[in-house]
Amino acid sequence: MIVIVAPGQGSQTPGFLEPWLAEERFRDQLAGISDAVGLDLLAHGTTSDADTIRDTAIAQPVIVAAGLLTLTALFADGRREKVAGVAGHSVGELTAAAAAGILSETDAVRFVRERGTAMAKAAALTPTGMSAVLGGDEDALLARLAELGLEPANFNGGGQIVVAGALDALDALKDNPIAGSRVIALQVAGAFHTRYMEPAVEHLRGVAGELEIHDPSLQIWSNVDGAAVASGADFVDRLVGQVSSPVRWDKTMASFADAGVTGLIELAPAGALVGLAKRGLKGVPTVAVKTPDDLAAAYEMIDGDA
């Protein structure tokens, strides 16, 4: 049982799409996506610097676009029928929605452009940030967050929780972490998946109302609670609300395990989710598709499982 996963914001690095754009089919596909979102994703995936692609309004479309390029390659030659399901982490859920047939590629990139812009505007209202907390007792951490007015944003499994909120509160947590933990500040532009994103939610409800939504033709799991979702409308509702609620990747991985996952393939820009799987899905083989050179290993995993 092979599951394909799509990474979220923060996985992009300068020039990461350059190996993909060496192939004309991927360059043409990305040019079409660029036209759909009104952004030069070819430049942002090759020549834009780290500060430029850290901008939420740019980072989210370029990450989803990378995933869509990878899916095109993975699903060629009938391999889509051999895959058991898909899931995405945060904005990666838009990539997963396209993979499952809930949204067309055009609607997925349209939604992600609106999502990134709305979240960037919400983040600009108040100076906030995010930090990764590694290790320590979860209950003790949640109690400490409540004291500081911080919120858990990503439950990533394997002892990693990303927290978010006011910058001075994040500094206080780093200066006085709970026992057995380490706090690492993240280079992101706001407190995503918290109450600070509520201004983006209403806007996205309007955007979602204009999408053509289909029920999934491939099993898909939700970040909200790790559950498999059979209704396309339900999944899109979850996409909207989840902008201001935590990512439960820990529960998503638990659902993979319960379903009997035998292999995990991460779409470009890959690396983060296979890293989490090494701790949360110990012993499950993984493939990180960073460049087209990694496709052969992904094909071998899919074909070997069939």
C-alpha atoms as a PDB file:
ATOM      1  CA  MET A   1       0.000   0.000   0.000  1.00  0.00           C
ATOM      2  CA  ILE A   2       1.787   3.094  -1.309  1.00  0.00           C
ATOM      3  CA  VAL A   3       0.783   6.559  -0.127  1.00  0.00           C
ATOM      4  CA  ILE A   4       1.867   9.789  -1.813  1.00  0.00           C
ATOM      5  CA  VAL A   5       2.353  12.844   0.390  1.00  0.00           C
ATOM      6  CA  ALA A   6       2.761  16.522  -0.482  1.00  0.00           C
ATOM      7  CA  PRO A   7       4.892  18.858   1.672  1.00  0.00           C
ATOM      8  CA  GLY A   8       3.935  22.248   3.061  1.00  0.00           C
ATOM      9  CA  GLN A   9       5.443  25.703   3.321  1.00  0.00           C
ATOM     10  CA  GLY A  10       9.067  25.897   4.342  1.00  0.00           C
ATOM     11  CA  SER A  11      10.173  22.989   2.167  1.00  0.00           C
ATOM     12  CA  GLN A  12      11.177  25.252  -0.754  1.00  0.00           C
ATOM     13  CA  THR A  13      14.779  26.312  -1.390  1.00  0.00           C
ATOM     14  CA  PRO A  14      16.254  28.662  -4.008  1.00  0.00           C
ATOM     15  CA  GLY A  15      16.577  26.999  -7.416  1.00  0.00           C
ATOM     16  CA  PHE A  16      14.846  23.769  -6.406  1.00  0.00           C
ATOM     17  CA  LEU A  17      12.822  23.541  -9.640  1.00  0.00           C
ATOM     18  CA  GLU A  18      15.798  23.963 -11.957  1.00  0.00           C
ATOM     19  CA  PRO A  19      16.347  20.212 -12.545  1.00  0.00           C
ATOM     20  CA  TRP A  20      12.651  19.808 -13.419  1.00  0.00           C
ATOM     21  CA  LEU A  21      12.636  22.643 -15.932  1.00  0.00           C
ATOM     22  CA  ALA A  22      15.435  21.036 -17.899  1.00  0.00           C
ATOM     23  CA  GLU A  23      12.639  18.868 -19.353  1.00  0.00           C
ATOM     24  CA  GLU A  24      10.312  20.617 -21.799  1.00  0.00           C
ATOM     25  CA  ARG A  25       7.144  18.858 -20.576  1.00  0.00           C
ATOM     26  CA  PHE A  26       7.635  20.182 -17.045  1.00  0.00           C
ATOM     27  CA  ARG A  27       8.611  23.661 -18.252  1.00  0.00           C
ATOM     28  CA  ASP A  28       5.430  23.827 -20.355  1.00  0.00           C
ATOM     29  CA  GLN A  29       3.278  22.607 -17.471  1.00  0.00           C
ATOM     30  CA  LEU A  30       4.774  25.156 -15.073  1.00  0.00           C
ATOM     31  CA  ALA A  31       4.284  27.927 -17.626  1.00  0.00           C
ATOM     32  CA  GLY A  32       0.582  27.040 -17.738  1.00  0.00           C
ATOM     33  CA  ILE A  33       0.343  27.083 -13.938  1.00  0.00           C
ATOM     34  CA  SER A  34       2.163  30.428 -13.870  1.00  0.00           C
ATOM     35  CA  ASP A  35      -0.416  31.877 -16.245  1.00  0.00           C
ATOM     36  CA  ALA A  36      -3.247  30.523 -14.070  1.00  0.00           C
ATOM     37  CA  VAL A  37      -1.951  32.187 -10.890  1.00  0.00           C
ATOM     38  CA  GLY A  38      -0.452  35.312 -12.459  1.00  0.00           C
ATOM     39  CA  LEU A  39       3.000  34.635 -11.042  1.00  0.00           C
ATOM     40  CA  ASP A  40       6.296  33.847 -12.767  1.00  0.00           C
ATOM     41  CA  LEU A  41       6.797  30.493 -11.079  1.00  0.00           C
ATOM     42  CA  LEU A  42       9.534  29.567 -13.539  1.00  0.00           C
ATOM     43  CA  ALA A  43      11.622  32.418 -12.127  1.00  0.00           C
ATOM     44  CA  HIS A  44      10.594  31.754  -8.521  1.00  0.00           C
ATOM     45  CA  GLY A  45      11.556  28.097  -8.858  1.00  0.00           C
ATOM     46  CA  THR A  46      14.960  28.836 -10.381  1.00  0.00           C
ATOM     47  CA  THR A  47      16.440  32.305  -9.873  1.00  0.00           C
ATOM     48  CA  SER A  48      14.486  33.950  -7.024  1.00  0.00           C
ATOM     49  CA  ASP A  49      16.391  34.245  -3.758  1.00  0.00           C
ATOM     50  CA  ALA A  50      15.471  32.781  -0.365  1.00  0.00           C
ATOM     51  CA  ASP A  51      13.761  35.941   0.890  1.00  0.00           C
ATOM     52  CA  THR A  52      11.568  36.138  -2.208  1.00  0.00           C
ATOM     53  CA  ILE A  53      10.342  32.560  -2.054  1.00  0.00           C
ATOM     54  CA  ARG A  54       9.784  32.824   1.707  1.00  0.00           C
ATOM     55  CA  ASP A  55       6.949  35.272   0.989  1.00  0.00           C
ATOM     56  CA  THR A  56       3.778  33.291   1.715  1.00  0.00           C
ATOM     57  CA  ALA A  57       2.010  34.585  -1.388  1.00  0.00           C
ATOM     58  CA  ILE A  58       4.834  33.147  -3.532  1.00  0.00           C
ATOM     59  CA  ALA A  59       5.918  30.151  -1.453  1.00  0.00           C
ATOM     60  CA  GLN A  60       2.535  28.430  -1.449  1.00  0.00           C
ATOM     61  CA  PRO A  61       1.906  28.510  -5.230  1.00  0.00           C
ATOM     62  CA  VAL A  62       5.447  27.419  -6.049  1.00  0.00           C
ATOM     63  CA  ILE A  63       5.252  24.476  -3.615  1.00  0.00           C
ATOM     64  CA  VAL A  64       1.919  23.285  -5.001  1.00  0.00           C
ATOM     65  CA  ALA A  65       3.191  23.723  -8.553  1.00  0.00           C
ATOM     66  CA  ALA A  66       6.219  21.549  -7.753  1.00  0.00           C
ATOM     67  CA  GLY A  67       3.922  18.862  -6.408  1.00  0.00           C
ATOM     68  CA  LEU A  68       1.749  18.985  -9.516  1.00  0.00           C
ATOM     69  CA  LEU A  69       4.793  18.523 -11.750  1.00  0.00           C
ATOM     70  CA  THR A  70       5.834  15.502  -9.718  1.00  0.00           C
ATOM     71  CA  LEU A  71       2.333  14.020  -9.839  1.00  0.00           C
ATOM     72  CA  THR A  72       2.274  14.292 -13.627  1.00  0.00           C
ATOM     73  CA  ALA A  73       5.384  12.142 -13.774  1.00  0.00           C
ATOM     74  CA  LEU A  74       4.326   9.681 -11.066  1.00  0.00           C
ATOM     75  CA  PHE A  75       0.843   9.090 -12.439  1.00  0.00           C
ATOM     76  CA  ALA A  76       1.994   8.431 -16.003  1.00  0.00           C
ATOM     77  CA  ASP A  77       1.705   4.937 -17.500  1.00  0.00           C
ATOM     78  CA  GLY A  78      -1.234   3.905 -15.309  1.00  0.00           C
ATOM     79  CA  ARG A  79       0.558   4.245 -11.968  1.00  0.00           C
ATOM     80  CA  ARG A  80      -2.232   6.321 -10.430  1.00  0.00           C
ATOM     81  CA  GLU A  81      -4.332   3.154 -10.228  1.00  0.00           C
ATOM     82  CA  LYS A  82      -1.569   1.446  -8.255  1.00  0.00           C
ATOM     83  CA  VAL A  83      -1.416   4.117  -5.515  1.00  0.00           C
ATOM     84  CA  ALA A  84      -3.529   3.576  -2.385  1.00  0.00           C
ATOM     85  CA  GLY A  85      -4.011   7.196  -1.382  1.00  0.00           C
ATOM     86  CA  VAL A  86      -2.704  10.721  -0.926  1.00  0.00           C
ATOM     87  CA  ALA A  87      -2.363  13.349   1.776  1.00  0.00           C
ATOM     88  CA  GLY A  88      -0.764  16.759   2.091  1.00  0.00           C
ATOM     89  CA  HIS A  89       0.776  18.719   4.923  1.00  0.00           C
ATOM     90  CA  SER A  90      -0.837  22.175   5.246  1.00  0.00           C
ATOM     91  CA  VAL A  91      -0.758  23.800   1.783  1.00  0.00           C
ATOM     92  CA  GLY A  92       0.221  20.384   0.433  1.00  0.00           C
ATOM     93  CA  GLU A  93      -3.436  19.460   0.917  1.00  0.00           C
ATOM     94  CA  LEU A  94      -4.179  21.477  -2.243  1.00  0.00           C
ATOM     95  CA  THR A  95      -1.744  19.271  -4.162  1.00  0.00           C
ATOM     96  CA  ALA A  96      -3.378  16.199  -2.639  1.00  0.00           C
ATOM     97  CA  ALA A  97      -6.854  17.487  -3.578  1.00  0.00           C
ATOM     98  CA  ALA A  98      -5.753  17.720  -7.206  1.00  0.00           C
ATOM     99  CA  ALA A  99      -4.185  14.256  -7.045  1.00  0.00           C
ATOM    100  CA  ALA A 100      -7.422  12.787  -5.693  1.00  0.00           C
ATOM    101  CA  GLY A 101      -9.548  14.484  -8.356  1.00  0.00           C
ATOM    102  CA  ILE A 102     -11.382  16.755  -5.890  1.00  0.00           C
ATOM    103  CA  LEU A 103     -10.116  19.868  -7.684  1.00  0.00           C
ATOM    104  CA  SER A 104      -8.782  20.401 -11.176  1.00  0.00           C
ATOM    105  CA  GLU A 105      -5.184  21.538 -11.457  1.00  0.00           C
ATOM    106  CA  THR A 106      -6.432  25.000 -12.449  1.00  0.00           C
ATOM    107  CA  ASP A 107      -8.781  25.288  -9.463  1.00  0.00           C
ATOM    108  CA  ALA A 108      -6.113  23.964  -7.089  1.00  0.00           C
ATOM    109  CA  VAL A 109      -3.604  26.623  -8.168  1.00  0.00           C
ATOM    110  CA  ARG A 110      -6.284  29.313  -8.165  1.00  0.00           C
ATOM    111  CA  PHE A 111      -7.219  28.402  -4.600  1.00  0.00           C
ATOM    112  CA  VAL A 112      -3.603  28.277  -3.456  1.00  0.00           C
ATOM    113  CA  ARG A 113      -2.915  31.725  -4.903  1.00  0.00           C
ATOM    114  CA  GLU A 114      -5.863  33.125  -2.946  1.00  0.00           C
ATOM    115  CA  ARG A 115      -4.829  31.157   0.143  1.00  0.00           C
ATOM    116  CA  GLY A 116      -1.256  32.413   0.090  1.00  0.00           C
ATOM    117  CA  THR A 117      -2.299  36.019  -0.476  1.00  0.00           C
ATOM    118  CA  ALA A 118      -4.987  35.912   2.243  1.00  0.00           C
ATOM    119  CA  MET A 119      -2.621  34.323   4.765  1.00  0.00           C
ATOM    120  CA  ALA A 120       0.110  36.843   3.953  1.00  0.00           C
ATOM    121  CA  LYS A 121      -2.348  39.698   4.561  1.00  0.00           C
ATOM    122  CA  ALA A 122      -3.474  38.148   7.855  1.00  0.00           C
ATOM    123  CA  ALA A 123       0.140  37.689   8.933  1.00  0.00           C
ATOM    124  CA  ALA A 124       0.880  41.357   8.202  1.00  0.00           C
ATOM    125  CA  LEU A 125      -1.732  42.518  10.721  1.00  0.00           C
ATOM    126  CA  THR A 126       0.314  41.482  13.781  1.00  0.00           C
ATOM    127  CA  PRO A 127       4.030  40.589  14.128  1.00  0.00           C
ATOM    128  CA  THR A 128       4.024  36.844  14.757  1.00  0.00           C
ATOM    129  CA  GLY A 129       6.135  33.804  14.028  1.00  0.00           C
ATOM    130  CA  MET A 130       6.595  30.093  14.537  1.00  0.00           C
ATOM    131  CA  SER A 131       9.073  27.829  16.325  1.00  0.00           C
ATOM    132  CA  ALA A 132       9.639  24.090  16.300  1.00  0.00           C
ATOM    133  CA  VAL A 133       9.740  22.388  19.682  1.00  0.00           C
ATOM    134  CA  LEU A 134      11.633  19.113  19.717  1.00  0.00           C
ATOM    135  CA  GLY A 135      11.190  16.702  22.600  1.00  0.00           C
ATOM    136  CA  GLY A 136       9.679  17.247  26.036  1.00  0.00           C
ATOM    137  CA  ASP A 137       6.301  16.261  27.435  1.00  0.00           C
ATOM    138  CA  GLU A 138       3.364  17.277  25.230  1.00  0.00           C
ATOM    139  CA  ASP A 139       1.001  18.099  28.088  1.00  0.00           C
ATOM    140  CA  ALA A 140       3.662  20.220  29.776  1.00  0.00           C
ATOM    141  CA  LEU A 141       4.295  22.051  26.510  1.00  0.00           C
ATOM    142  CA  LEU A 142       0.596  22.756  25.928  1.00  0.00           C
ATOM    143  CA  ALA A 143       0.302  24.141  29.460  1.00  0.00           C
ATOM    144  CA  ARG A 144       3.319  26.382  28.873  1.00  0.00           C
ATOM    145  CA  LEU A 145       1.860  27.602  25.566  1.00  0.00           C
ATOM    146  CA  ALA A 146      -1.372  28.548  27.318  1.00  0.00           C
ATOM    147  CA  GLU A 147       0.605  30.580  29.864  1.00  0.00           C
ATOM    148  CA  LEU A 148       2.386  32.466  27.084  1.00  0.00           C
ATOM    149  CA  GLY A 149      -0.618  32.944  24.794  1.00  0.00           C
ATOM    150  CA  LEU A 150       0.942  30.722  22.135  1.00  0.00           C
ATOM    151  CA  GLU A 151      -0.797  27.977  20.145  1.00  0.00           C
ATOM    152  CA  PRO A 152       0.241  24.622  18.704  1.00  0.00           C
ATOM    153  CA  ALA A 153       0.194  24.920  14.906  1.00  0.00           C
ATOM    154  CA  ASN A 154       1.587  21.608  13.656  1.00  0.00           C
ATOM    155  CA  PHE A 155       1.567  18.317  15.536  1.00  0.00           C
ATOM    156  CA  ASN A 156       4.168  16.630  13.356  1.00  0.00           C
ATOM    157  CA  GLY A 157       4.668  13.412  15.302  1.00  0.00           C
ATOM    158  CA  GLY A 158       7.928  11.932  16.496  1.00  0.00           C
ATOM    159  CA  GLY A 159       8.179  14.447  19.324  1.00  0.00           C
ATOM    160  CA  GLN A 160       7.982  17.556  17.117  1.00  0.00           C
ATOM    161  CA  ILE A 161       5.355  20.263  17.592  1.00  0.00           C
ATOM    162  CA  VAL A 162       5.461  23.608  15.802  1.00  0.00           C
ATOM    163  CA  VAL A 163       4.091  26.460  17.905  1.00  0.00           C
ATOM    164  CA  ALA A 164       3.073  29.946  16.869  1.00  0.00           C
ATOM    165  CA  GLY A 165       2.143  33.368  18.159  1.00  0.00           C
ATOM    166  CA  ALA A 166       3.596  36.683  19.264  1.00  0.00           C
ATOM    167  CA  LEU A 167       7.339  37.080  18.764  1.00  0.00           C
ATOM    168  CA  ASP A 168       8.062  38.072  22.374  1.00  0.00           C
ATOM    169  CA  ALA A 169       6.187  34.989  23.619  1.00  0.00           C
ATOM    170  CA  LEU A 170       8.191  32.766  21.273  1.00  0.00           C
ATOM    171  CA  ASP A 171      11.380  34.333  22.624  1.00  0.00           C
ATOM    172  CA  ALA A 172      10.198  33.629  26.179  1.00  0.00           C
ATOM    173  CA  LEU A 173       9.608  29.970  25.299  1.00  0.00           C
ATOM    174  CA  LYS A 174      13.053  29.682  23.728  1.00  0.00           C
ATOM    175  CA  ASP A 175      14.688  31.309  26.765  1.00  0.00           C
ATOM    176  CA  ASN A 176      12.808  29.039  29.169  1.00  0.00           C
ATOM    177  CA  PRO A 177      11.814  25.821  27.363  1.00  0.00           C
ATOM    178  CA  ILE A 178      10.059  22.943  29.090  1.00  0.00           C
ATOM    179  CA  ALA A 179      12.263  20.161  30.445  1.00  0.00           C
ATOM    180  CA  GLY A 180      13.842  17.942  27.811  1.00  0.00           C
ATOM    181  CA  SER A 181      12.932  20.151  24.867  1.00  0.00           C
ATOM    182  CA  ARG A 182      14.724  22.300  22.343  1.00  0.00           C
ATOM    183  CA  VAL A 183      13.149  25.332  20.626  1.00  0.00           C
ATOM    184  CA  ILE A 184      14.158  26.347  17.090  1.00  0.00           C
ATOM    185  CA  ALA A 185      12.849  29.555  15.519  1.00  0.00           C
ATOM    186  CA  LEU A 186      11.501  29.056  11.994  1.00  0.00           C
ATOM    187  CA  GLN A 187      11.953  31.457   9.088  1.00  0.00           C
ATOM    188  CA  VAL A 188       8.269  31.997   8.326  1.00  0.00           C
ATOM    189  CA  ALA A 189       6.220  35.159   8.003  1.00  0.00           C
ATOM    190  CA  GLY A 190       3.405  34.568  10.471  1.00  0.00           C
ATOM    191  CA  ALA A 191       1.521  32.378  12.933  1.00  0.00           C
ATOM    192  CA  PHE A 192      -0.095  29.996  10.464  1.00  0.00           C
ATOM    193  CA  HIS A 193      -2.809  27.555  11.572  1.00  0.00           C
ATOM    194  CA  THR A 194      -3.749  29.685  14.591  1.00  0.00           C
ATOM    195  CA  ARG A 195      -6.344  32.328  15.472  1.00  0.00           C
ATOM    196  CA  TYR A 196      -4.152  34.910  13.743  1.00  0.00           C
ATOM    197  CA  MET A 197      -5.248  33.440  10.398  1.00  0.00           C
ATOM    198  CA  GLU A 198      -8.988  33.868  11.018  1.00  0.00           C
ATOM    199  CA  PRO A 199      -9.169  36.943   8.705  1.00  0.00           C
ATOM    200  CA  ALA A 200      -8.147  34.641   5.827  1.00  0.00           C
ATOM    201  CA  VAL A 201     -10.853  32.065   6.501  1.00  0.00           C
ATOM    202  CA  GLU A 202     -13.890  34.088   5.440  1.00  0.00           C
ATOM    203  CA  HIS A 203     -12.213  35.163   2.226  1.00  0.00           C
ATOM    204  CA  LEU A 204     -11.382  31.559   1.376  1.00  0.00           C
ATOM    205  CA  ARG A 205     -14.956  30.453   2.049  1.00  0.00           C
ATOM    206  CA  GLY A 206     -15.987  32.756  -0.791  1.00  0.00           C
ATOM    207  CA  VAL A 207     -13.256  31.390  -3.061  1.00  0.00           C
ATOM    208  CA  ALA A 208     -14.252  27.805  -2.259  1.00  0.00           C
ATOM    209  CA  GLY A 209     -17.843  28.557  -3.222  1.00  0.00           C
ATOM    210  CA  GLU A 210     -16.719  29.247  -6.790  1.00  0.00           C
ATOM    211  CA  LEU A 211     -14.781  25.996  -7.263  1.00  0.00           C
ATOM    212  CA  GLU A 212     -15.933  22.912  -9.161  1.00  0.00           C
ATOM    213  CA  ILE A 213     -15.664  20.181  -6.550  1.00  0.00           C
ATOM    214  CA  HIS A 214     -15.771  16.406  -7.096  1.00  0.00           C
ATOM    215  CA  ASP A 215     -15.730  13.496  -4.674  1.00  0.00           C
ATOM    216  CA  PRO A 216     -12.268  11.913  -4.480  1.00  0.00           C
ATOM    217  CA  SER A 217     -11.431   9.106  -6.878  1.00  0.00           C
ATOM    218  CA  LEU A 218      -8.375   8.251  -4.770  1.00  0.00           C
ATOM    219  CA  GLN A 219      -8.377   7.875  -0.998  1.00  0.00           C
ATOM    220  CA  ILE A 220      -7.388  11.076   0.762  1.00  0.00           C
ATOM    221  CA  TRP A 221      -6.706  11.815   4.416  1.00  0.00           C
ATOM    222  CA  SER A 222      -7.289  15.173   6.140  1.00  0.00           C
ATOM    223  CA  ASN A 223      -4.898  17.180   8.317  1.00  0.00           C
ATOM    224  CA  VAL A 224      -7.761  18.216  10.575  1.00  0.00           C
ATOM    225  CA  ASP A 225      -7.990  14.859  12.347  1.00  0.00           C
ATOM    226  CA  GLY A 226      -6.179  12.313  10.165  1.00  0.00           C
ATOM    227  CA  ALA A 227      -9.481  10.892   8.892  1.00  0.00           C
ATOM    228  CA  ALA A 228     -10.080   9.554   5.399  1.00  0.00           C
ATOM    229  CA  VAL A 229     -12.586  11.844   3.674  1.00  0.00           C
ATOM    230  CA  ALA A 230     -15.069  10.529   1.102  1.00  0.00           C
ATOM    231  CA  SER A 231     -16.794  13.817   0.225  1.00  0.00           C
ATOM    232  CA  GLY A 232     -15.092  16.429  -1.915  1.00  0.00           C
ATOM    233  CA  ALA A 233     -17.231  19.188  -0.421  1.00  0.00           C
ATOM    234  CA  ASP A 234     -16.270  18.071   3.092  1.00  0.00           C
ATOM    235  CA  PHE A 235     -12.592  18.049   2.169  1.00  0.00           C
ATOM    236  CA  VAL A 236     -12.733  21.580   0.749  1.00  0.00           C
ATOM    237  CA  ASP A 237     -14.583  22.778   3.885  1.00  0.00           C
ATOM    238  CA  ARG A 238     -11.737  21.294   5.904  1.00  0.00           C
ATOM    239  CA  LEU A 239      -9.187  23.036   3.665  1.00  0.00           C
ATOM    240  CA  VAL A 240     -10.768  26.388   4.453  1.00  0.00           C
ATOM    241  CA  GLY A 241     -11.142  25.932   8.201  1.00  0.00           C
ATOM    242  CA  GLN A 242      -7.744  24.357   8.638  1.00  0.00           C
ATOM    243  CA  VAL A 243      -6.016  27.635   7.740  1.00  0.00           C
ATOM    244  CA  SER A 244      -6.710  28.742  11.343  1.00  0.00           C
ATOM    245  CA  SER A 245      -6.562  25.325  13.068  1.00  0.00           C
ATOM    246  CA  PRO A 246      -3.649  22.978  13.793  1.00  0.00           C
ATOM    247  CA  VAL A 247      -2.166  20.537  11.302  1.00  0.00           C
ATOM    248  CA  ARG A 248      -2.498  17.045  12.792  1.00  0.00           C
ATOM    249  CA  TRP A 249       0.165  15.279  10.774  1.00  0.00           C
ATOM    250  CA  ASP A 250       0.702  12.960  13.726  1.00  0.00           C
ATOM    251  CA  LYS A 251      -2.851  11.669  13.325  1.00  0.00           C
ATOM    252  CA  THR A 252      -2.479  11.503   9.558  1.00  0.00           C
ATOM    253  CA  MET A 253       0.561   9.238   9.917  1.00  0.00           C
ATOM    254  CA  ALA A 254      -1.321   7.133  12.490  1.00  0.00           C
ATOM    255  CA  SER A 255      -4.069   6.664   9.893  1.00  0.00           C
ATOM    256  CA  PHE A 256      -1.472   5.544   7.338  1.00  0.00           C
ATOM    257  CA  ALA A 257      -0.207   2.966   9.807  1.00  0.00           C
ATOM    258  CA  ASP A 258      -3.718   1.745  10.620  1.00  0.00           C
ATOM    259  CA  ALA A 259      -4.431   1.372   6.901  1.00  0.00           C
ATOM    260  CA  GLY A 260      -1.311  -0.765   6.427  1.00  0.00           C
ATOM    261  CA  VAL A 261       0.996   1.588   4.539  1.00  0.00           C
ATOM    262  CA  THR A 262       3.977  -0.223   3.008  1.00  0.00           C
ATOM    263  CA  GLY A 263       5.716   2.733   1.358  1.00  0.00           C
ATOM    264  CA  LEU A 264       5.648   6.532   1.318  1.00  0.00           C
ATOM    265  CA  ILE A 265       6.556   8.786  -1.616  1.00  0.00           C
ATOM    266  CA  GLU A 266       6.990  12.519  -1.013  1.00  0.00           C
ATOM    267  CA  LEU A 267       6.457  14.961  -3.862  1.00  0.00           C
ATOM    268  CA  ALA A 268       8.860  17.804  -4.603  1.00  0.00           C
ATOM    269  CA  PRO A 269      10.113  19.841  -2.822  1.00  0.00           C
ATOM    270  CA  ALA A 270      10.618  16.658  -0.831  1.00  0.00           C
ATOM    271  CA  GLY A 271      12.455  15.844   2.375  1.00  0.00           C
ATOM    272  CA  ALA A 272      10.467  17.115   5.350  1.00  0.00           C
ATOM    273  CA  LEU A 273       7.723  14.483   5.393  1.00  0.00           C
ATOM    274  CA  VAL A 274       9.981  11.483   4.799  1.00  0.00           C
ATOM    275  CA  GLY A 275      12.028  12.809   7.718  1.00  0.00           C
ATOM    276  CA  LEU A 276       8.928  12.807   9.925  1.00  0.00           C
ATOM    277  CA  ALA A 277       8.009   9.340   8.665  1.00  0.00           C
ATOM    278  CA  LYS A 278      11.337   7.952   9.865  1.00  0.00           C
ATOM    279  CA  ARG A 279      10.217   8.771  13.402  1.00  0.00           C
ATOM    280  CA  GLY A 280       6.436   8.412  13.085  1.00  0.00           C
ATOM    281  CA  LEU A 281       6.296   5.415  10.713  1.00  0.00           C
ATOM    282  CA  LYS A 282       9.419   3.526  11.696  1.00  0.00           C
ATOM    283  CA  GLY A 283      10.419   0.824   9.258  1.00  0.00           C
ATOM    284  CA  VAL A 284       8.215   2.056   6.386  1.00  0.00           C
ATOM    285  CA  PRO A 285      10.318   2.575   3.219  1.00  0.00           C
ATOM    286  CA  THR A 286      10.262   6.104   1.819  1.00  0.00           C
ATOM    287  CA  VAL A 287      11.260   7.920  -1.370  1.00  0.00           C
ATOM    288  CA  ALA A 288      11.799  11.678  -1.509  1.00  0.00           C
ATOM    289  CA  VAL A 289      11.318  12.899  -5.084  1.00  0.00           C
ATOM    290  CA  LYS A 290      13.494  15.999  -5.083  1.00  0.00           C
ATOM    291  CA  THR A 291      14.457  15.935  -8.770  1.00  0.00           C
ATOM    292  CA  PRO A 292      13.514  13.864 -11.851  1.00  0.00           C
ATOM    293  CA  ASP A 293      16.471  11.613 -11.029  1.00  0.00           C
ATOM    294  CA  ASP A 294      14.477  10.330  -8.042  1.00  0.00           C
ATOM    295  CA  LEU A 295      11.514   9.212 -10.144  1.00  0.00           C
ATOM    296  CA  ALA A 296      13.045   5.817 -10.928  1.00  0.00           C
ATOM    297  CA  ALA A 297      13.054   4.868  -7.235  1.00  0.00           C
ATOM    298  CA  ALA A 298       9.446   6.034  -6.896  1.00  0.00           C
ATOM    299  CA  TYR A 299       8.394   4.027  -9.951  1.00  0.00           C
ATOM    300  CA  GLU A 300      10.123   0.965  -8.517  1.00  0.00           C
ATOM    301  CA  MET A 301       8.244   1.358  -5.218  1.00  0.00           C
ATOM    302  CA  ILE A 302       4.857   1.765  -6.923  1.00  0.00           C
ATOM    303  CA  ASP A 303       5.372  -1.043  -9.462  1.00  0.00           C
ATOM    304  CA  GLY A 304       6.825  -3.379  -6.880  1.00  0.00           C
ATOM    305  CA  ASP A 305       3.799  -2.958  -4.616  1.00  0.00           C
ATOM    306  CA  ALA A 306       1.271  -3.668  -7.365  1.00  0.00           C
END
